[in-house]
Amino acid sequence: MANFKIALQIWLSKKILYRSVKTALVVGTILAFINHGDLIISGALTAECWIKMGLTCLVPYSVASWTATRAQMENIEPA
């Protein structure tokens, strides 16, 4: 349980949050154009597309946060 609390503190730290949001914006934008580029360009985005694009940004955010958290956890865990 102590490891979970430490991991959560790391995950929610400003440093991790800032980096993960930047990653999510860049990678999420690229993925949005790959998946919905035709609708974006034509201006025909629906509410469903907006929701999907928002959820698409959660994937790179989660991966970046998880990776950074695990890396920091490995640095503090005894060998």
Protein backbone atom coordinates (compact mmCIF):
# COMPACT_ATOMS: atom_id res chain seq x y z
CA MET A 1 0.00 0.00 0.00
CA ALA A 2 2.91 2.33 0.70
CA ASN A 3 4.19 1.80 -2.85
CA PHE A 4 0.76 2.71 -4.23
CA LYS A 5 0.73 5.97 -2.27
CA ILE A 6 4.23 6.84 -3.46
CA ALA A 7 3.33 5.98 -7.06
CA LEU A 8 0.18 8.11 -6.86
CA GLN A 9 2.16 11.05 -5.48
CA ILE A 10 4.64 10.73 -8.33
CA TRP A 11 1.86 10.31 -10.94
CA LEU A 12 0.12 13.47 -9.71
CA SER A 13 3.28 15.54 -9.31
CA LYS A 14 3.51 18.76 -11.30
CA LYS A 15 6.57 17.54 -13.16
CA ILE A 16 4.91 14.35 -14.42
CA LEU A 17 1.59 16.07 -15.05
CA TYR A 18 3.18 18.83 -17.14
CA ARG A 19 5.25 16.44 -19.26
CA SER A 20 2.37 14.03 -19.77
CA VAL A 21 -0.04 16.78 -20.81
CA LYS A 22 2.48 18.08 -23.36
CA THR A 23 2.95 14.55 -24.71
CA ALA A 24 -0.81 14.00 -24.87
CA LEU A 25 -1.37 17.24 -26.77
CA VAL A 26 1.29 16.50 -29.37
CA VAL A 27 0.62 12.79 -29.85
CA GLY A 28 -3.14 13.18 -29.39
CA THR A 29 -3.27 15.85 -32.09
CA ILE A 30 -1.35 13.64 -34.49
CA LEU A 31 -3.66 10.71 -33.74
CA ALA A 32 -6.74 12.92 -34.13
CA PHE A 33 -5.60 13.96 -37.60
CA ILE A 34 -4.83 10.37 -38.55
CA ASN A 35 -8.22 9.14 -37.36
CA HIS A 36 -10.45 12.14 -38.12
CA GLY A 37 -8.45 14.32 -40.51
CA ASP A 38 -11.09 14.33 -43.22
CA LEU A 39 -13.77 15.45 -40.77
CA ILE A 40 -11.48 18.06 -39.21
CA ILE A 41 -10.63 19.58 -42.58
CA SER A 42 -14.23 19.55 -43.80
CA GLY A 43 -15.51 20.95 -40.50
CA ALA A 44 -17.95 18.08 -40.12
CA LEU A 45 -16.96 16.97 -36.62
CA THR A 46 -19.76 15.55 -34.54
CA ALA A 47 -20.03 15.43 -30.76
CA GLU A 48 -19.06 11.76 -30.98
CA CYS A 49 -15.86 12.65 -32.85
CA TRP A 50 -14.94 15.25 -30.21
CA ILE A 51 -15.43 12.67 -27.47
CA LYS A 52 -13.33 10.13 -29.34
CA MET A 53 -10.55 12.67 -29.90
CA GLY A 54 -10.57 13.56 -26.20
CA LEU A 55 -10.35 9.91 -25.24
CA THR A 56 -7.58 9.41 -27.80
CA CYS A 57 -5.50 11.99 -25.91
CA LEU A 58 -5.86 9.97 -22.73
CA VAL A 59 -3.82 7.13 -24.23
CA PRO A 60 -0.53 9.02 -24.68
CA TYR A 61 -1.16 10.85 -21.39
CA SER A 62 -1.53 7.55 -19.55
CA VAL A 63 1.47 5.95 -21.22
CA ALA A 64 3.70 8.95 -20.53
CA SER A 65 2.55 9.17 -16.91
CA TRP A 66 2.89 5.43 -16.31
CA THR A 67 6.37 5.29 -17.84
CA ALA A 68 7.64 8.30 -15.88
CA THR A 69 6.13 7.01 -12.64
CA ARG A 70 7.63 3.54 -13.09
CA ALA A 71 11.04 5.03 -13.90
CA GLN A 72 11.01 7.11 -10.72
CA MET A 73 9.73 4.18 -8.66
CA GLU A 74 12.60 2.04 -9.90
CA ASN A 75 15.05 4.71 -8.78
CA ILE A 76 13.72 4.65 -5.21
CA GLU A 77 13.08 0.90 -4.84
CA PRO A 78 15.88 -1.11 -3.25
CA ALA A 79 17.80 -3.32 -5.70
